[in-house]
């Protein structure tokens, strides 16, 4: 009975240690807080703007020209755009992406926030 308990104990420790090292990959963005935010449950194109002004679409770093082409495709398929900008990202970069969306013909543009 004791060897069985030892094996179970070792398996328990093994699974506890290995599960703590699993992390979610992705781009770290600290979203601004808002009281009046809503939850969107639609098919969206997500554009992420990091604190240093990098632009990511589908978790891939893109240039301004690539952003324009992605937004043109989103406009043709009537997709909504969700801009996830870090709260320390420059307002100028967010407005620049917003203008590109408008020029591309995107009808619905949303800004991601967290609820207070």
Protein backbone atom coordinates (compact mmCIF):
# COMPACT_ATOMS: atom_id res chain seq x y z
CA UNK A 1 0.00 0.00 0.00
CA UNK A 2 2.84 2.40 0.78
CA UNK A 3 4.46 2.14 -2.68
CA UNK A 4 1.09 2.88 -4.30
CA UNK A 5 0.68 5.99 -2.14
CA UNK A 6 4.22 7.10 -3.07
CA UNK A 7 3.48 6.77 -6.79
CA UNK A 8 0.20 8.69 -6.48
CA UNK A 9 1.93 11.40 -4.47
CA UNK A 10 4.73 11.71 -7.06
CA UNK A 11 2.22 11.90 -9.92
CA UNK A 12 0.31 14.59 -8.08
CA UNK A 13 3.49 16.65 -7.59
CA UNK A 14 4.49 16.10 -11.24
CA UNK A 15 1.15 17.38 -12.58
CA UNK A 16 1.11 20.34 -10.20
CA UNK A 17 4.59 21.43 -11.28
CA UNK A 18 4.04 21.00 -15.01
CA UNK A 19 0.68 22.75 -15.02
CA UNK A 20 2.11 25.89 -13.45
CA UNK A 21 4.48 26.41 -16.40
CA UNK A 22 1.71 26.54 -19.02
CA UNK A 23 0.99 30.09 -20.18
CA UNK A 24 -1.20 31.67 -22.83
CA UNK A 25 0.77 32.97 -25.80
CA UNK A 26 -0.18 36.33 -27.21
CA UNK A 27 0.49 40.01 -27.16
CA UNK A 28 0.40 41.72 -23.78
CA UNK A 29 -1.80 44.81 -23.83
CA UNK A 30 -2.98 46.76 -20.79
CA UNK A 31 -6.41 48.03 -21.86
CA UNK A 32 -7.87 51.27 -20.48
CA UNK A 33 -10.80 51.04 -18.08
CA UNK A 34 -14.29 52.30 -18.93
CA UNK A 35 -17.60 52.30 -17.09
CA UNK A 36 -19.86 52.18 -20.16
CA UNK A 37 -18.21 49.34 -22.10
CA UNK A 38 -20.22 46.62 -23.85
CA UNK A 39 -19.41 43.01 -24.69
CA UNK A 40 -19.13 42.23 -28.43
CA UNK A 41 -19.86 38.69 -29.60
CA UNK A 42 -19.46 39.05 -33.35
CA UNK A 43 -16.92 38.14 -35.98
CA UNK A 44 -14.35 40.92 -35.62
CA UNK A 45 -11.00 41.84 -37.08
CA UNK A 46 -8.81 42.61 -34.08
CA UNK A 47 -6.03 45.18 -34.42
CA UNK A 48 -3.64 45.36 -31.46
CA UNK A 49 -1.52 48.46 -30.79
CA UNK A 50 1.20 47.90 -28.20
CA UNK A 51 2.65 50.47 -25.81
CA UNK A 52 5.52 51.19 -28.21
CA UNK A 53 3.25 51.65 -31.25
CA UNK A 54 3.64 48.26 -32.95
CA UNK A 55 0.58 47.07 -34.90
CA UNK A 56 -0.53 43.43 -34.83
CA UNK A 57 -3.30 41.80 -36.86
CA UNK A 58 -4.05 38.14 -36.11
CA UNK A 59 -1.10 38.16 -33.66
CA UNK A 60 1.31 39.02 -36.50
CA UNK A 61 3.35 42.22 -36.66
CA UNK A 62 2.26 44.25 -39.71
CA UNK A 63 3.34 47.44 -41.42
CA UNK A 64 1.06 50.36 -42.25
CA UNK A 65 0.72 49.15 -45.85
CA UNK A 66 -0.25 45.64 -44.74
CA UNK A 67 -2.77 47.18 -42.35
CA UNK A 68 -4.40 49.04 -45.26
CA UNK A 69 -4.72 45.82 -47.30
CA UNK A 70 -6.15 43.86 -44.34
CA UNK A 71 -8.69 46.60 -43.67
CA UNK A 72 -9.71 46.70 -47.35
CA UNK A 73 -10.51 42.98 -47.13
CA UNK A 74 -12.44 43.54 -43.90
CA UNK A 75 -14.44 46.29 -45.55
CA UNK A 76 -15.40 44.05 -48.49
CA UNK A 77 -16.63 41.32 -46.14
CA UNK A 78 -18.47 43.84 -43.89
CA UNK A 79 -16.43 42.87 -40.82
CA UNK A 80 -16.35 45.06 -37.76
CA UNK A 81 -12.96 46.19 -36.48
CA UNK A 82 -11.90 46.07 -32.83
CA UNK A 83 -8.89 48.20 -31.90
CA UNK A 84 -7.12 46.93 -28.77
CA UNK A 85 -4.73 49.72 -27.85
CA UNK A 86 -2.54 49.68 -24.77
CA UNK A 87 -3.49 52.51 -22.42
CA UNK A 88 0.02 53.92 -22.72
CA UNK A 89 -0.01 53.82 -26.54
CA UNK A 90 0.03 57.19 -28.22
CA UNK A 91 -3.32 58.66 -29.15
CA UNK A 92 -1.86 59.63 -32.51
CA UNK A 93 -1.28 55.98 -33.42
CA UNK A 94 -4.84 55.04 -32.46
CA UNK A 95 -6.26 57.92 -34.51
CA UNK A 96 -4.03 56.94 -37.44
CA UNK A 97 -5.43 53.38 -37.41
CA UNK A 98 -8.96 54.77 -36.98
CA UNK A 99 -8.46 56.97 -40.08
CA UNK A 100 -7.14 54.04 -42.09
CA UNK A 101 -10.26 52.10 -41.12
CA UNK A 102 -12.52 54.94 -42.25
CA UNK A 103 -10.62 55.41 -45.53
CA UNK A 104 -10.88 51.67 -46.22
CA UNK A 105 -14.65 51.79 -45.83
CA UNK A 106 -15.02 49.92 -42.54
CA UNK A 107 -18.47 50.76 -41.22
CA UNK A 108 -18.15 49.75 -37.55
CA UNK A 109 -15.01 50.51 -35.52
CA UNK A 110 -14.78 49.61 -31.81
CA UNK A 111 -12.23 50.37 -29.09
CA UNK A 112 -11.51 47.60 -26.57
CA UNK A 113 -11.63 48.48 -22.85
CA UNK A 114 -11.93 46.65 -19.56
CA UNK A 115 -14.80 47.26 -17.17
CA UNK A 116 -14.11 48.97 -13.87
